Amino acid sequence: MKNEEQKKAPVLVRRFPFAIEAEMAQALLAEHGISSYVYDLNVNSCYVGAVMGVRLLVDPDHLNEAIDILESNK
């Protein structure tokens, strides 16, 4: 398979200390037509305030737009 045919892996947009914050950011991105993925939900439900945080990832092609959207809605 050629490199351009391979699916691009999602990239990290931001880490959140709580799942609800990551899910709210995910909803905001969805309103702007950007698909995103929330990871580490189960890890943090076991450890309140876990150092790792909840990760929000997007397709690399939408990274800059996602960052701009999240920054403008702080």
N, C-alpha and C. Protein backbone atom coordinates (compact mmCIF):
# COMPACT_ATOMS: atom_id res chain seq x y z
N MET A 1 0.85 -1.18 0.00
CA MET A 1 0.00 0.00 0.00
C MET A 1 0.89 1.24 0.00
N LYS A 2 0.58 2.19 -0.86
CA LYS A 2 1.35 3.43 -0.94
C LYS A 2 1.05 4.32 0.25
N ASN A 3 2.01 5.18 0.59
CA ASN A 3 1.85 6.07 1.75
C ASN A 3 0.60 6.94 1.63
N GLU A 4 0.32 7.48 0.44
CA GLU A 4 -0.83 8.37 0.30
C GLU A 4 -2.16 7.62 0.43
N GLU A 5 -2.12 6.28 0.28
CA GLU A 5 -3.32 5.48 0.43
C GLU A 5 -3.56 5.05 1.87
N GLN A 6 -2.55 5.14 2.69
CA GLN A 6 -2.69 4.72 4.09
C GLN A 6 -3.52 5.75 4.85
N LYS A 7 -4.32 5.24 5.74
CA LYS A 7 -5.14 6.13 6.57
C LYS A 7 -4.23 6.86 7.55
N LYS A 8 -4.45 8.14 7.69
CA LYS A 8 -3.66 8.93 8.64
C LYS A 8 -4.15 8.68 10.05
N ALA A 9 -3.21 8.51 10.96
CA ALA A 9 -3.54 8.30 12.37
C ALA A 9 -4.01 9.61 12.99
N PRO A 10 -4.99 9.56 13.87
CA PRO A 10 -5.43 10.78 14.56
C PRO A 10 -4.30 11.38 15.39
N VAL A 11 -4.35 12.70 15.55
CA VAL A 11 -3.33 13.41 16.32
C VAL A 11 -3.97 14.12 17.51
N LEU A 12 -3.17 14.34 18.53
CA LEU A 12 -3.65 14.97 19.76
C LEU A 12 -3.90 16.46 19.55
N VAL A 13 -5.10 16.88 19.95
CA VAL A 13 -5.44 18.31 19.94
C VAL A 13 -5.20 18.89 21.32
N ARG A 14 -5.70 18.19 22.34
CA ARG A 14 -5.59 18.70 23.71
C ARG A 14 -5.87 17.59 24.71
N ARG A 15 -5.32 17.73 25.91
CA ARG A 15 -5.63 16.85 27.03
C ARG A 15 -6.53 17.61 28.00
N PHE A 16 -7.44 16.89 28.61
CA PHE A 16 -8.36 17.48 29.58
C PHE A 16 -8.29 16.70 30.88
N PRO A 17 -8.42 17.38 32.02
CA PRO A 17 -8.36 16.67 33.29
C PRO A 17 -9.61 15.84 33.56
N PHE A 18 -10.73 16.20 32.94
CA PHE A 18 -11.99 15.50 33.19
C PHE A 18 -12.66 15.13 31.88
N ALA A 19 -13.32 13.97 31.88
CA ALA A 19 -13.97 13.46 30.67
C ALA A 19 -15.03 14.41 30.16
N ILE A 20 -15.79 15.04 31.05
CA ILE A 20 -16.86 15.93 30.60
C ILE A 20 -16.31 17.09 29.78
N GLU A 21 -15.14 17.58 30.14
CA GLU A 21 -14.52 18.67 29.37
C GLU A 21 -14.13 18.21 27.98
N ALA A 22 -13.59 17.01 27.88
CA ALA A 22 -13.22 16.46 26.57
C ALA A 22 -14.45 16.23 25.71
N GLU A 23 -15.52 15.75 26.32
CA GLU A 23 -16.75 15.50 25.58
C GLU A 23 -17.41 16.79 25.12
N MET A 24 -17.31 17.85 25.92
CA MET A 24 -17.85 19.15 25.51
C MET A 24 -17.04 19.70 24.33
N ALA A 25 -15.73 19.55 24.38
CA ALA A 25 -14.88 19.99 23.28
C ALA A 25 -15.18 19.18 22.02
N GLN A 26 -15.42 17.90 22.19
CA GLN A 26 -15.76 17.04 21.06
C GLN A 26 -17.07 17.51 20.41
N ALA A 27 -18.06 17.86 21.23
CA ALA A 27 -19.33 18.36 20.71
C ALA A 27 -19.14 19.67 19.97
N LEU A 28 -18.29 20.54 20.50
CA LEU A 28 -18.02 21.82 19.84
C LEU A 28 -17.39 21.60 18.47
N LEU A 29 -16.42 20.71 18.39
CA LEU A 29 -15.79 20.41 17.11
C LEU A 29 -16.81 19.81 16.14
N ALA A 30 -17.69 18.96 16.63
CA ALA A 30 -18.72 18.35 15.78
C ALA A 30 -19.64 19.41 15.18
N GLU A 31 -19.93 20.46 15.97
CA GLU A 31 -20.76 21.56 15.48
C GLU A 31 -20.11 22.26 14.29
N HIS A 32 -18.79 22.17 14.22
CA HIS A 32 -18.03 22.79 13.12
C HIS A 32 -17.65 21.77 12.05
N GLY A 33 -18.24 20.59 12.12
CA GLY A 33 -18.02 19.56 11.11
C GLY A 33 -16.72 18.80 11.23
N ILE A 34 -16.10 18.81 12.41
CA ILE A 34 -14.84 18.11 12.62
C ILE A 34 -15.08 16.88 13.49
N SER A 35 -14.77 15.72 12.95
CA SER A 35 -14.87 14.48 13.73
C SER A 35 -13.69 14.39 14.68
N SER A 36 -13.94 13.91 15.87
CA SER A 36 -12.86 13.76 16.84
C SER A 36 -13.09 12.49 17.65
N TYR A 37 -12.07 12.13 18.40
CA TYR A 37 -12.08 10.90 19.18
C TYR A 37 -11.61 11.21 20.59
N VAL A 38 -12.34 10.70 21.58
CA VAL A 38 -11.96 10.87 22.98
C VAL A 38 -11.36 9.55 23.46
N TYR A 39 -10.15 9.61 24.00
CA TYR A 39 -9.45 8.43 24.50
C TYR A 39 -9.16 8.58 25.99
N ASP A 40 -8.96 7.47 26.63
CA ASP A 40 -8.57 7.37 28.04
C ASP A 40 -9.71 7.66 29.01
N LEU A 41 -10.94 7.50 28.57
CA LEU A 41 -12.07 7.72 29.47
C LEU A 41 -12.07 6.73 30.62
N ASN A 42 -11.85 5.47 30.34
CA ASN A 42 -11.90 4.44 31.38
C ASN A 42 -10.74 4.56 32.36
N VAL A 43 -9.59 4.96 31.88
CA VAL A 43 -8.43 5.11 32.76
C VAL A 43 -8.73 6.17 33.82
N ASN A 44 -9.29 7.28 33.39
CA ASN A 44 -9.52 8.38 34.31
C ASN A 44 -10.74 8.17 35.20
N SER A 45 -11.64 7.30 34.79
CA SER A 45 -12.77 7.03 35.68
C SER A 45 -12.31 6.23 36.90
N CYS A 46 -11.19 5.52 36.75
CA CYS A 46 -10.65 4.74 37.87
C CYS A 46 -9.79 5.59 38.80
N TYR A 47 -9.17 6.60 38.25
CA TYR A 47 -8.23 7.43 39.02
C TYR A 47 -8.61 8.90 38.87
N VAL A 48 -9.29 9.42 39.84
CA VAL A 48 -9.72 10.82 39.79
C VAL A 48 -8.50 11.72 39.70
N GLY A 49 -8.50 12.63 38.73
CA GLY A 49 -7.39 13.54 38.56
C GLY A 49 -6.13 12.86 38.06
N ALA A 50 -6.28 11.79 37.33
CA ALA A 50 -5.11 11.06 36.82
C ALA A 50 -4.22 12.00 36.03
N VAL A 51 -2.94 11.79 36.13
CA VAL A 51 -1.96 12.66 35.48
C VAL A 51 -2.11 12.64 33.97
N MET A 52 -2.47 11.51 33.41
CA MET A 52 -2.52 11.36 31.97
C MET A 52 -3.59 12.26 31.34
N GLY A 53 -4.71 12.42 31.96
CA GLY A 53 -5.79 13.21 31.39
C GLY A 53 -6.52 12.46 30.30
N VAL A 54 -7.58 13.05 29.82
CA VAL A 54 -8.38 12.50 28.73
C VAL A 54 -7.92 13.17 27.45
N ARG A 55 -7.62 12.37 26.44
CA ARG A 55 -7.10 12.92 25.19
C ARG A 55 -8.20 13.11 24.16
N LEU A 56 -8.12 14.22 23.45
CA LEU A 56 -9.02 14.51 22.33
C LEU A 56 -8.16 14.53 21.06
N LEU A 57 -8.51 13.67 20.11
CA LEU A 57 -7.73 13.54 18.88
C LEU A 57 -8.58 13.84 17.66
N VAL A 58 -7.94 14.33 16.60
CA VAL A 58 -8.60 14.62 15.33
C VAL A 58 -7.73 14.13 14.18
N ASP A 59 -8.31 14.12 13.02
CA ASP A 59 -7.58 13.81 11.80
C ASP A 59 -6.53 14.91 11.60
N PRO A 60 -5.31 14.55 11.17
CA PRO A 60 -4.25 15.56 11.02
C PRO A 60 -4.63 16.71 10.09
N ASP A 61 -5.49 16.45 9.12
CA ASP A 61 -5.91 17.50 8.19
C ASP A 61 -6.76 18.57 8.85
N HIS A 62 -7.34 18.27 10.01
CA HIS A 62 -8.20 19.23 10.72
C HIS A 62 -7.57 19.78 11.99
N LEU A 63 -6.31 19.47 12.23
CA LEU A 63 -5.67 19.85 13.48
C LEU A 63 -5.67 21.35 13.72
N ASN A 64 -5.19 22.12 12.78
CA ASN A 64 -5.10 23.58 12.98
C ASN A 64 -6.48 24.21 13.17
N GLU A 65 -7.45 23.76 12.40
CA GLU A 65 -8.81 24.29 12.55
C GLU A 65 -9.38 23.94 13.92
N ALA A 66 -9.14 22.71 14.37
CA ALA A 66 -9.63 22.28 15.68
C ALA A 66 -9.00 23.10 16.81
N ILE A 67 -7.71 23.34 16.70
CA ILE A 67 -7.01 24.16 17.70
C ILE A 67 -7.61 25.56 17.75
N ASP A 68 -7.83 26.15 16.58
CA ASP A 68 -8.41 27.50 16.52
C ASP A 68 -9.80 27.54 17.16
N ILE A 69 -10.61 26.55 16.88
CA ILE A 69 -11.96 26.50 17.44
C ILE A 69 -11.91 26.38 18.96
N LEU A 70 -11.09 25.48 19.45
CA LEU A 70 -11.01 25.28 20.91
C LEU A 70 -10.43 26.50 21.60
N GLU A 71 -9.45 27.14 20.99
CA GLU A 71 -8.84 28.34 21.58
C GLU A 71 -9.83 29.51 21.62
N SER A 72 -10.66 29.63 20.59
CA SER A 72 -11.59 30.75 20.54
C SER A 72 -12.79 30.56 21.47
N ASN A 73 -12.94 29.37 22.01
CA ASN A 73 -14.07 29.09 22.91
C ASN A 73 -13.64 28.80 24.33
N LYS A 74 -12.52 29.35 24.76
CA LYS A 74 -12.06 29.16 26.15
C LYS A 74 -12.87 29.98 27.08
